Amino acid sequence: MKQLVPSELEALIRQGKDLTIIDVRETDEVATGQIPGAVNIPLGLVEFRMHELDKSKEYVMVCRSGGRSSMAANLLESHGYRVINMTGGMNEWEGAIK
């Protein structure tokens, strides 16, 4: 599985890269702030909502510390999706939040 650190993701966002970020934290966690433009799909729902995702796109998975996003990335990757896990999660994110 591909991985990147929060500062690398922030740099890609600043460069205007076309990214789809999926935040797998629970709704109450996301309410404290999330990366602008990220889509919230809690980890427990990823399996049931993966049909909404496009296999031709690459997705960046985000959570609080990198553990749940890694699990989501593994699940999606096993079904043929292209994913990148953001290690360190929102705990290490220093970029903008909404």
PDB file of N, CA and C in Angstrom:
ATOM      1  N   MET A   1       0.843  -1.180   0.000  1.00  0.00           N
ATOM      2  CA  MET A   1       0.000   0.000   0.000  1.00  0.00           C
ATOM      3  C   MET A   1       0.889   1.243   0.000  1.00  0.00           C
ATOM      4  N   LYS A   2       0.494   2.213  -0.817  1.00  0.00           N
ATOM      5  CA  LYS A   2       1.214   3.479  -0.834  1.00  0.00           C
ATOM      6  C   LYS A   2       0.896   4.253   0.440  1.00  0.00           C
ATOM      7  N   GLN A   3       1.861   5.041   0.879  1.00  0.00           N
ATOM      8  CA  GLN A   3       1.650   5.869   2.062  1.00  0.00           C
ATOM      9  C   GLN A   3       2.263   7.241   1.830  1.00  0.00           C
ATOM     10  N   LEU A   4       1.744   8.223   2.539  1.00  0.00           N
ATOM     11  CA  LEU A   4       2.351   9.539   2.571  1.00  0.00           C
ATOM     12  C   LEU A   4       2.123  10.136   3.948  1.00  0.00           C
ATOM     13  N   VAL A   5       2.902  11.139   4.280  1.00  0.00           N
ATOM     14  CA  VAL A   5       2.754  11.812   5.571  1.00  0.00           C
ATOM     15  C   VAL A   5       1.922  13.072   5.354  1.00  0.00           C
ATOM     16  N   PRO A   6       1.340  13.621   6.409  1.00  0.00           N
ATOM     17  CA  PRO A   6       0.479  14.789   6.264  1.00  0.00           C
ATOM     18  C   PRO A   6       1.108  15.953   5.499  1.00  0.00           C
ATOM     19  N   SER A   7       2.372  16.234   5.732  1.00  0.00           N
ATOM     20  CA  SER A   7       3.003  17.360   5.023  1.00  0.00           C
ATOM     21  C   SER A   7       3.063  17.109   3.513  1.00  0.00           C
ATOM     22  N   GLU A   8       3.211  15.850   3.097  1.00  0.00           N
ATOM     23  CA  GLU A   8       3.218  15.521   1.669  1.00  0.00           C
ATOM     24  C   GLU A   8       1.834  15.744   1.060  1.00  0.00           C
ATOM     25  N   LEU A   9       0.794  15.355   1.797  1.00  0.00           N
ATOM     26  CA  LEU A   9      -0.564  15.575   1.309  1.00  0.00           C
ATOM     27  C   LEU A   9      -0.853  17.064   1.222  1.00  0.00           C
ATOM     28  N   GLU A  10      -0.443  17.809   2.216  1.00  0.00           N
ATOM     29  CA  GLU A  10      -0.656  19.256   2.203  1.00  0.00           C
ATOM     30  C   GLU A  10       0.027  19.890   0.988  1.00  0.00           C
ATOM     31  N   ALA A  11       1.229  19.443   0.673  1.00  0.00           N
ATOM     32  CA  ALA A  11       1.956  19.963  -0.493  1.00  0.00           C
ATOM     33  C   ALA A  11       1.206  19.643  -1.788  1.00  0.00           C
ATOM     34  N   LEU A  12       0.664  18.438  -1.903  1.00  0.00           N
ATOM     35  CA  LEU A  12      -0.105  18.061  -3.093  1.00  0.00           C
ATOM     36  C   LEU A  12      -1.353  18.929  -3.236  1.00  0.00           C
ATOM     37  N   ILE A  13      -2.003  19.219  -2.117  1.00  0.00           N
ATOM     38  CA  ILE A  13      -3.197  20.074  -2.138  1.00  0.00           C
ATOM     39  C   ILE A  13      -2.814  21.479  -2.607  1.00  0.00           C
ATOM     40  N   ARG A  14      -1.717  22.012  -2.074  1.00  0.00           N
ATOM     41  CA  ARG A  14      -1.260  23.352  -2.458  1.00  0.00           C
ATOM     42  C   ARG A  14      -0.901  23.417  -3.940  1.00  0.00           C
ATOM     43  N   GLN A  15      -0.409  22.294  -4.487  1.00  0.00           N
ATOM     44  CA  GLN A  15      -0.044  22.239  -5.911  1.00  0.00           C
ATOM     45  C   GLN A  15      -1.277  22.118  -6.805  1.00  0.00           C
ATOM     46  N   GLY A  16      -2.443  21.953  -6.191  1.00  0.00           N
ATOM     47  CA  GLY A  16      -3.672  21.853  -6.960  1.00  0.00           C
ATOM     48  C   GLY A  16      -3.930  20.481  -7.553  1.00  0.00           C
ATOM     49  N   LYS A  17      -3.290  19.448  -7.002  1.00  0.00           N
ATOM     50  CA  LYS A  17      -3.510  18.085  -7.496  1.00  0.00           C
ATOM     51  C   LYS A  17      -4.968  17.694  -7.294  1.00  0.00           C
ATOM     52  N   ASP A  18      -5.507  16.958  -8.245  1.00  0.00           N
ATOM     53  CA  ASP A  18      -6.875  16.473  -8.153  1.00  0.00           C
ATOM     54  C   ASP A  18      -6.882  15.247  -7.248  1.00  0.00           C
ATOM     55  N   LEU A  19      -7.275  15.457  -6.002  1.00  0.00           N
ATOM     56  CA  LEU A  19      -7.246  14.388  -5.010  1.00  0.00           C
ATOM     57  C   LEU A  19      -8.637  14.136  -4.458  1.00  0.00           C
ATOM     58  N   THR A  20      -8.908  12.889  -4.149  1.00  0.00           N
ATOM     59  CA  THR A  20     -10.129  12.558  -3.435  1.00  0.00           C
ATOM     60  C   THR A  20      -9.687  11.998  -2.083  1.00  0.00           C
ATOM     61  N   ILE A  21     -10.037  12.735  -1.031  1.00  0.00           N
ATOM     62  CA  ILE A  21      -9.641  12.369   0.328  1.00  0.00           C
ATOM     63  C   ILE A  21     -10.854  11.789   1.031  1.00  0.00           C
ATOM     64  N   ILE A  22     -10.680  10.613   1.616  1.00  0.00           N
ATOM     65  CA  ILE A  22     -11.755   9.981   2.371  1.00  0.00           C
ATOM     66  C   ILE A  22     -11.335   9.927   3.832  1.00  0.00           C
ATOM     67  N   ASP A  23     -12.115  10.557   4.678  1.00  0.00           N
ATOM     68  CA  ASP A  23     -11.882  10.590   6.121  1.00  0.00           C
ATOM     69  C   ASP A  23     -12.732   9.491   6.745  1.00  0.00           C
ATOM     70  N   VAL A  24     -12.084   8.496   7.335  1.00  0.00           N
ATOM     71  CA  VAL A  24     -12.819   7.337   7.857  1.00  0.00           C
ATOM     72  C   VAL A  24     -13.123   7.443   9.350  1.00  0.00           C
ATOM     73  N   ARG A  25     -12.934   8.638   9.913  1.00  0.00           N
ATOM     74  CA  ARG A  25     -13.272   8.822  11.334  1.00  0.00           C
ATOM     75  C   ARG A  25     -14.787   8.863  11.515  1.00  0.00           C
ATOM     76  N   GLU A  26     -15.216   8.717  12.749  1.00  0.00           N
ATOM     77  CA  GLU A  26     -16.635   8.788  13.069  1.00  0.00           C
ATOM     78  C   GLU A  26     -17.119  10.236  12.927  1.00  0.00           C
ATOM     79  N   THR A  27     -18.421  10.393  12.752  1.00  0.00           N
ATOM     80  CA  THR A  27     -19.021  11.704  12.522  1.00  0.00           C
ATOM     81  C   THR A  27     -18.664  12.706  13.621  1.00  0.00           C
ATOM     82  N   ASP A  28     -18.677  12.277  14.878  1.00  0.00           N
ATOM     83  CA  ASP A  28     -18.365  13.203  15.969  1.00  0.00           C
ATOM     84  C   ASP A  28     -16.902  13.651  15.935  1.00  0.00           C
ATOM     85  N   GLU A  29     -16.013  12.802  15.444  1.00  0.00           N
ATOM     86  CA  GLU A  29     -14.608  13.179  15.310  1.00  0.00           C
ATOM     87  C   GLU A  29     -14.437  14.203  14.189  1.00  0.00           C
ATOM     88  N   VAL A  30     -15.133  13.987  13.092  1.00  0.00           N
ATOM     89  CA  VAL A  30     -15.046  14.883  11.944  1.00  0.00           C
ATOM     90  C   VAL A  30     -15.578  16.268  12.317  1.00  0.00           C
ATOM     91  N   ALA A  31     -16.542  16.316  13.226  1.00  0.00           N
ATOM     92  CA  ALA A  31     -17.125  17.594  13.656  1.00  0.00           C
ATOM     93  C   ALA A  31     -16.077  18.510  14.293  1.00  0.00           C
ATOM     94  N   THR A  32     -14.964  17.947  14.767  1.00  0.00           N
ATOM     95  CA  THR A  32     -13.903  18.763  15.370  1.00  0.00           C
ATOM     96  C   THR A  32     -13.003  19.377  14.304  1.00  0.00           C
ATOM     97  N   GLY A  33     -13.192  19.001  13.056  1.00  0.00           N
ATOM     98  CA  GLY A  33     -12.432  19.557  11.947  1.00  0.00           C
ATOM     99  C   GLY A  33     -11.918  18.477  11.020  1.00  0.00           C
ATOM    100  N   GLN A  34     -11.944  18.766   9.725  1.00  0.00           N
ATOM    101  CA  GLN A  34     -11.421  17.832   8.749  1.00  0.00           C
ATOM    102  C   GLN A  34     -10.765  18.600   7.612  1.00  0.00           C
ATOM    103  N   ILE A  35     -10.005  17.899   6.803  1.00  0.00           N
ATOM    104  CA  ILE A  35      -9.325  18.500   5.662  1.00  0.00           C
ATOM    105  C   ILE A  35     -10.405  18.991   4.689  1.00  0.00           C
ATOM    106  N   PRO A  36     -10.318  20.258   4.251  1.00  0.00           N
ATOM    107  CA  PRO A  36     -11.324  20.778   3.315  1.00  0.00           C
ATOM    108  C   PRO A  36     -11.448  19.885   2.075  1.00  0.00           C
ATOM    109  N   GLY A  37     -12.695  19.580   1.729  1.00  0.00           N
ATOM    110  CA  GLY A  37     -12.967  18.763   0.556  1.00  0.00           C
ATOM    111  C   GLY A  37     -12.998  17.267   0.814  1.00  0.00           C
ATOM    112  N   ALA A  38     -12.587  16.847   2.011  1.00  0.00           N
ATOM    113  CA  ALA A  38     -12.606  15.416   2.333  1.00  0.00           C
ATOM    114  C   ALA A  38     -14.043  14.917   2.447  1.00  0.00           C
ATOM    115  N   VAL A  39     -14.232  13.673   2.063  1.00  0.00           N
ATOM    116  CA  VAL A  39     -15.528  13.009   2.168  1.00  0.00           C
ATOM    117  C   VAL A  39     -15.469  12.109   3.395  1.00  0.00           C
ATOM    118  N   ASN A  40     -16.494  12.192   4.248  1.00  0.00           N
ATOM    119  CA  ASN A  40     -16.523  11.356   5.443  1.00  0.00           C
ATOM    120  C   ASN A  40     -17.276  10.058   5.173  1.00  0.00           C
ATOM    121  N   ILE A  41     -16.549   8.944   5.276  1.00  0.00           N
ATOM    122  CA  ILE A  41     -17.157   7.609   5.240  1.00  0.00           C
ATOM    123  C   ILE A  41     -16.559   6.866   6.429  1.00  0.00           C
ATOM    124  N   PRO A  42     -17.284   6.791   7.556  1.00  0.00           N
ATOM    125  CA  PRO A  42     -16.737   6.098   8.731  1.00  0.00           C
ATOM    126  C   PRO A  42     -16.276   4.680   8.372  1.00  0.00           C
ATOM    127  N   LEU A  43     -15.207   4.245   9.017  1.00  0.00           N
ATOM    128  CA  LEU A  43     -14.607   2.950   8.715  1.00  0.00           C
ATOM    129  C   LEU A  43     -15.636   1.831   8.628  1.00  0.00           C
ATOM    130  N   GLY A  44     -16.572   1.790   9.560  1.00  0.00           N
ATOM    131  CA  GLY A  44     -17.574   0.722   9.577  1.00  0.00           C
ATOM    132  C   GLY A  44     -18.493   0.719   8.368  1.00  0.00           C
ATOM    133  N   LEU A  45     -18.514   1.818   7.610  1.00  0.00           N
ATOM    134  CA  LEU A  45     -19.389   1.907   6.442  1.00  0.00           C
ATOM    135  C   LEU A  45     -18.648   1.776   5.117  1.00  0.00           C
ATOM    136  N   VAL A  46     -17.326   1.754   5.156  1.00  0.00           N
ATOM    137  CA  VAL A  46     -16.536   1.707   3.918  1.00  0.00           C
ATOM    138  C   VAL A  46     -16.929   0.506   3.060  1.00  0.00           C
ATOM    139  N   GLU A  47     -17.038  -0.655   3.665  1.00  0.00           N
ATOM    140  CA  GLU A  47     -17.376  -1.863   2.916  1.00  0.00           C
ATOM    141  C   GLU A  47     -18.727  -1.733   2.218  1.00  0.00           C
ATOM    142  N   PHE A  48     -19.677  -1.061   2.856  1.00  0.00           N
ATOM    143  CA  PHE A  48     -21.025  -0.947   2.309  1.00  0.00           C
ATOM    144  C   PHE A  48     -21.165   0.203   1.317  1.00  0.00           C
ATOM    145  N   ARG A  49     -20.197   1.127   1.315  1.00  0.00           N
ATOM    146  CA  ARG A  49     -20.280   2.281   0.420  1.00  0.00           C
ATOM    147  C   ARG A  49     -19.215   2.277  -0.672  1.00  0.00           C
ATOM    148  N   MET A  50     -18.381   1.240  -0.716  1.00  0.00           N
ATOM    149  CA  MET A  50     -17.314   1.229  -1.722  1.00  0.00           C
ATOM    150  C   MET A  50     -17.859   1.270  -3.143  1.00  0.00           C
ATOM    151  N   HIS A  51     -19.086   0.802  -3.355  1.00  0.00           N
ATOM    152  CA  HIS A  51     -19.677   0.849  -4.694  1.00  0.00           C
ATOM    153  C   HIS A  51     -19.847   2.294  -5.189  1.00  0.00           C
ATOM    154  N   GLU A  52     -19.808   3.274  -4.274  1.00  0.00           N
ATOM    155  CA  GLU A  52     -19.923   4.685  -4.647  1.00  0.00           C
ATOM    156  C   GLU A  52     -18.598   5.234  -5.205  1.00  0.00           C
ATOM    157  N   LEU A  53     -17.514   4.480  -5.010  1.00  0.00           N
ATOM    158  CA  LEU A  53     -16.187   4.941  -5.422  1.00  0.00           C
ATOM    159  C   LEU A  53     -15.858   4.473  -6.834  1.00  0.00           C
ATOM    160  N   ASP A  54     -14.995   5.220  -7.490  1.00  0.00           N
ATOM    161  CA  ASP A  54     -14.594   4.966  -8.872  1.00  0.00           C
ATOM    162  C   ASP A  54     -13.213   4.308  -8.877  1.00  0.00           C
ATOM    163  N   LYS A  55     -13.115   3.102  -9.415  1.00  0.00           N
ATOM    164  CA  LYS A  55     -11.842   2.379  -9.413  1.00  0.00           C
ATOM    165  C   LYS A  55     -10.779   3.046 -10.284  1.00  0.00           C
ATOM    166  N   SER A  56     -11.171   3.981 -11.125  1.00  0.00           N
ATOM    167  CA  SER A  56     -10.172   4.655 -11.957  1.00  0.00           C
ATOM    168  C   SER A  56      -9.490   5.809 -11.213  1.00  0.00           C
ATOM    169  N   LYS A  57     -10.029   6.173 -10.052  1.00  0.00           N
ATOM    170  CA  LYS A  57      -9.450   7.256  -9.250  1.00  0.00           C
ATOM    171  C   LYS A  57      -8.561   6.679  -8.152  1.00  0.00           C
ATOM    172  N   GLU A  58      -7.699   7.550  -7.628  1.00  0.00           N
ATOM    173  CA  GLU A  58      -6.874   7.170  -6.476  1.00  0.00           C
ATOM    174  C   GLU A  58      -7.405   7.931  -5.273  1.00  0.00           C
ATOM    175  N   TYR A  59      -7.519   7.249  -4.153  1.00  0.00           N
ATOM    176  CA  TYR A  59      -8.091   7.832  -2.944  1.00  0.00           C
ATOM    177  C   TYR A  59      -7.041   7.926  -1.847  1.00  0.00           C
ATOM    178  N   VAL A  60      -7.082   9.042  -1.112  1.00  0.00           N
ATOM    179  CA  VAL A  60      -6.208   9.218   0.044  1.00  0.00           C
ATOM    180  C   VAL A  60      -7.065   8.976   1.279  1.00  0.00           C
ATOM    181  N   MET A  61      -6.665   7.999   2.082  1.00  0.00           N
ATOM    182  CA  MET A  61      -7.424   7.627   3.267  1.00  0.00           C
ATOM    183  C   MET A  61      -6.839   8.319   4.493  1.00  0.00           C
ATOM    184  N   VAL A  62      -7.730   8.893   5.321  1.00  0.00           N
ATOM    185  CA  VAL A  62      -7.323   9.671   6.486  1.00  0.00           C
ATOM    186  C   VAL A  62      -8.149   9.253   7.702  1.00  0.00           C
ATOM    187  N   CYS A  63      -7.502   9.220   8.879  1.00  0.00           N
ATOM    188  CA  CYS A  63      -8.216   9.027  10.141  1.00  0.00           C
ATOM    189  C   CYS A  63      -7.499   9.846  11.214  1.00  0.00           C
ATOM    190  N   ARG A  64      -7.687   9.489  12.470  1.00  0.00           N
ATOM    191  CA  ARG A  64      -7.078  10.255  13.557  1.00  0.00           C
ATOM    192  C   ARG A  64      -5.577  10.056  13.622  1.00  0.00           C
ATOM    193  N   SER A  65      -5.126   8.779  13.532  1.00  0.00           N
ATOM    194  CA  SER A  65      -3.693   8.519  13.705  1.00  0.00           C
ATOM    195  C   SER A  65      -3.067   7.670  12.597  1.00  0.00           C
ATOM    196  N   GLY A  66      -3.874   7.124  11.707  1.00  0.00           N
ATOM    197  CA  GLY A  66      -3.352   6.326  10.604  1.00  0.00           C
ATOM    198  C   GLY A  66      -3.718   4.855  10.663  1.00  0.00           C
ATOM    199  N   GLY A  67      -4.236   4.396  11.785  1.00  0.00           N
ATOM    200  CA  GLY A  67      -4.593   2.979  11.932  1.00  0.00           C
ATOM    201  C   GLY A  67      -5.854   2.592  11.182  1.00  0.00           C
ATOM    202  N   ARG A  68      -6.927   3.322  11.425  1.00  0.00           N
ATOM    203  CA  ARG A  68      -8.195   3.001  10.747  1.00  0.00           C
ATOM    204  C   ARG A  68      -8.099   3.260   9.247  1.00  0.00           C
ATOM    205  N   SER A  69      -7.390   4.326   8.872  1.00  0.00           N
ATOM    206  CA  SER A  69      -7.245   4.599   7.440  1.00  0.00           C
ATOM    207  C   SER A  69      -6.454   3.491   6.757  1.00  0.00           C
ATOM    208  N   SER A  70      -5.504   2.905   7.468  1.00  0.00           N
ATOM    209  CA  SER A  70      -4.739   1.782   6.934  1.00  0.00           C
ATOM    210  C   SER A  70      -5.650   0.571   6.720  1.00  0.00           C
ATOM    211  N   MET A  71      -6.535   0.316   7.667  1.00  0.00           N
ATOM    212  CA  MET A  71      -7.482  -0.802   7.520  1.00  0.00           C
ATOM    213  C   MET A  71      -8.412  -0.558   6.334  1.00  0.00           C
ATOM    214  N   ALA A  72      -8.910   0.678   6.208  1.00  0.00           N
ATOM    215  CA  ALA A  72      -9.796   1.014   5.084  1.00  0.00           C
ATOM    216  C   ALA A  72      -9.046   0.883   3.761  1.00  0.00           C
ATOM    217  N   ALA A  73      -7.804   1.342   3.738  1.00  0.00           N
ATOM    218  CA  ALA A  73      -6.999   1.254   2.519  1.00  0.00           C
ATOM    219  C   ALA A  73      -6.773  -0.203   2.121  1.00  0.00           C
ATOM    220  N   ASN A  74      -6.467  -1.046   3.088  1.00  0.00           N
ATOM    221  CA  ASN A  74      -6.275  -2.475   2.805  1.00  0.00           C
ATOM    222  C   ASN A  74      -7.541  -3.098   2.242  1.00  0.00           C
ATOM    223  N   LEU A  75      -8.681  -2.763   2.833  1.00  0.00           N
ATOM    224  CA  LEU A  75      -9.958  -3.301   2.363  1.00  0.00           C
ATOM    225  C   LEU A  75     -10.218  -2.868   0.916  1.00  0.00           C
ATOM    226  N   LEU A  76     -10.085  -1.573   0.664  1.00  0.00           N
ATOM    227  CA  LEU A  76     -10.341  -1.081  -0.691  1.00  0.00           C
ATOM    228  C   LEU A  76      -9.348  -1.645  -1.701  1.00  0.00           C
ATOM    229  N   GLU A  77      -8.087  -1.709  -1.302  1.00  0.00           N
ATOM    230  CA  GLU A  77      -7.059  -2.247  -2.192  1.00  0.00           C
ATOM    231  C   GLU A  77      -7.357  -3.703  -2.551  1.00  0.00           C
ATOM    232  N   SER A  78      -7.866  -4.465  -1.592  1.00  0.00           N
ATOM    233  CA  SER A  78      -8.187  -5.878  -1.851  1.00  0.00           C
ATOM    234  C   SER A  78      -9.357  -6.035  -2.826  1.00  0.00           C
ATOM    235  N   HIS A  79     -10.113  -4.952  -3.035  1.00  0.00           N
ATOM    236  CA  HIS A  79     -11.226  -4.960  -3.993  1.00  0.00           C
ATOM    237  C   HIS A  79     -10.875  -4.215  -5.280  1.00  0.00           C
ATOM    238  N   GLY A  80      -9.591  -3.935  -5.474  1.00  0.00           N
ATOM    239  CA  GLY A  80      -9.151  -3.354  -6.736  1.00  0.00           C
ATOM    240  C   GLY A  80      -9.114  -1.844  -6.803  1.00  0.00           C
ATOM    241  N   TYR A  81      -9.277  -1.164  -5.670  1.00  0.00           N
ATOM    242  CA  TYR A  81      -9.208   0.296  -5.658  1.00  0.00           C
ATOM    243  C   TYR A  81      -7.770   0.748  -5.451  1.00  0.00           C
ATOM    244  N   ARG A  82      -7.455   1.937  -5.983  1.00  0.00           N
ATOM    245  CA  ARG A  82      -6.125   2.515  -5.801  1.00  0.00           C
ATOM    246  C   ARG A  82      -6.192   3.483  -4.624  1.00  0.00           C
ATOM    247  N   VAL A  83      -5.371   3.224  -3.616  1.00  0.00           N
ATOM    248  CA  VAL A  83      -5.444   4.018  -2.390  1.00  0.00           C
ATOM    249  C   VAL A  83      -4.063   4.388  -1.866  1.00  0.00           C
ATOM    250  N   ILE A  84      -4.037   5.474  -1.110  1.00  0.00           N
ATOM    251  CA  ILE A  84      -2.845   5.919  -0.397  1.00  0.00           C
ATOM    252  C   ILE A  84      -3.271   6.164   1.041  1.00  0.00           C
ATOM    253  N   ASN A  85      -2.509   5.666   1.993  1.00  0.00           N
ATOM    254  CA  ASN A  85      -2.811   5.900   3.399  1.00  0.00           C
ATOM    255  C   ASN A  85      -1.984   7.075   3.913  1.00  0.00           C
ATOM    256  N   MET A  86      -2.653   8.022   4.593  1.00  0.00           N
ATOM    257  CA  MET A  86      -1.930   9.121   5.218  1.00  0.00           C
ATOM    258  C   MET A  86      -1.543   8.683   6.630  1.00  0.00           C
ATOM    259  N   THR A  87      -0.260   8.385   6.806  1.00  0.00           N
ATOM    260  CA  THR A  87       0.225   7.960   8.118  1.00  0.00           C
ATOM    261  C   THR A  87       0.235   9.155   9.067  1.00  0.00           C
ATOM    262  N   GLY A  88       0.061   8.893  10.346  1.00  0.00           N
ATOM    263  CA  GLY A  88       0.056   9.972  11.333  1.00  0.00           C
ATOM    264  C   GLY A  88      -1.301  10.625  11.500  1.00  0.00           C
ATOM    265  N   GLY A  89      -2.136  10.522  10.476  1.00  0.00           N
ATOM    266  CA  GLY A  89      -3.507  11.015  10.546  1.00  0.00           C
ATOM    267  C   GLY A  89      -3.654  12.477  10.908  1.00  0.00           C
ATOM    268  N   MET A  90      -4.852  12.809  11.363  1.00  0.00           N
ATOM    269  CA  MET A  90      -5.169  14.193  11.719  1.00  0.00           C
ATOM    270  C   MET A  90      -4.364  14.649  12.940  1.00  0.00           C
ATOM    271  N   ASN A  91      -3.865  13.707  13.729  1.00  0.00           N
ATOM    272  CA  ASN A  91      -3.009  14.091  14.861  1.00  0.00           C
ATOM    273  C   ASN A  91      -1.785  14.862  14.400  1.00  0.00           C
ATOM    274  N   GLU A  92      -1.309  14.571  13.190  1.00  0.00           N
ATOM    275  CA  GLU A  92      -0.107  15.218  12.676  1.00  0.00           C
ATOM    276  C   GLU A  92      -0.401  16.235  11.570  1.00  0.00           C
ATOM    277  N   TRP A  93      -1.671  16.412  11.230  1.00  0.00           N
ATOM    278  CA  TRP A  93      -2.050  17.344  10.177  1.00  0.00           C
ATOM    279  C   TRP A  93      -1.860  18.781  10.668  1.00  0.00           C
ATOM    280  N   GLU A  94      -1.151  19.590   9.896  1.00  0.00           N
ATOM    281  CA  GLU A  94      -0.918  20.989  10.256  1.00  0.00           C
ATOM    282  C   GLU A  94      -1.529  21.937   9.244  1.00  0.00           C
ATOM    283  N   GLY A  95      -2.187  21.396   8.245  1.00  0.00           N
ATOM    284  CA  GLY A  95      -2.800  22.215   7.205  1.00  0.00           C
ATOM    285  C   GLY A  95      -4.153  22.752   7.622  1.00  0.00           C
ATOM    286  N   ALA A  96      -4.846  23.333   6.652  1.00  0.00           N
ATOM    287  CA  ALA A  96      -6.158  23.921   6.888  1.00  0.00           C
ATOM    288  C   ALA A  96      -7.171  22.847   7.268  1.00  0.00           C
ATOM    289  N   ILE A  97      -8.120  23.241   8.094  1.00  0.00           N
ATOM    290  CA  ILE A  97      -9.252  22.361   8.420  1.00  0.00           C
ATOM    291  C   ILE A  97     -10.530  23.178   8.296  1.00  0.00           C
ATOM    292  N   LYS A  98     -11.595  22.463   8.053  1.00  0.00           N
ATOM    293  CA  LYS A  98     -12.903  23.157   7.976  1.00  0.00           C
ATOM    294  C   LYS A  98     -13.770  22.699   9.116  1.00  0.00           C
TER     295      LYS A  98
END
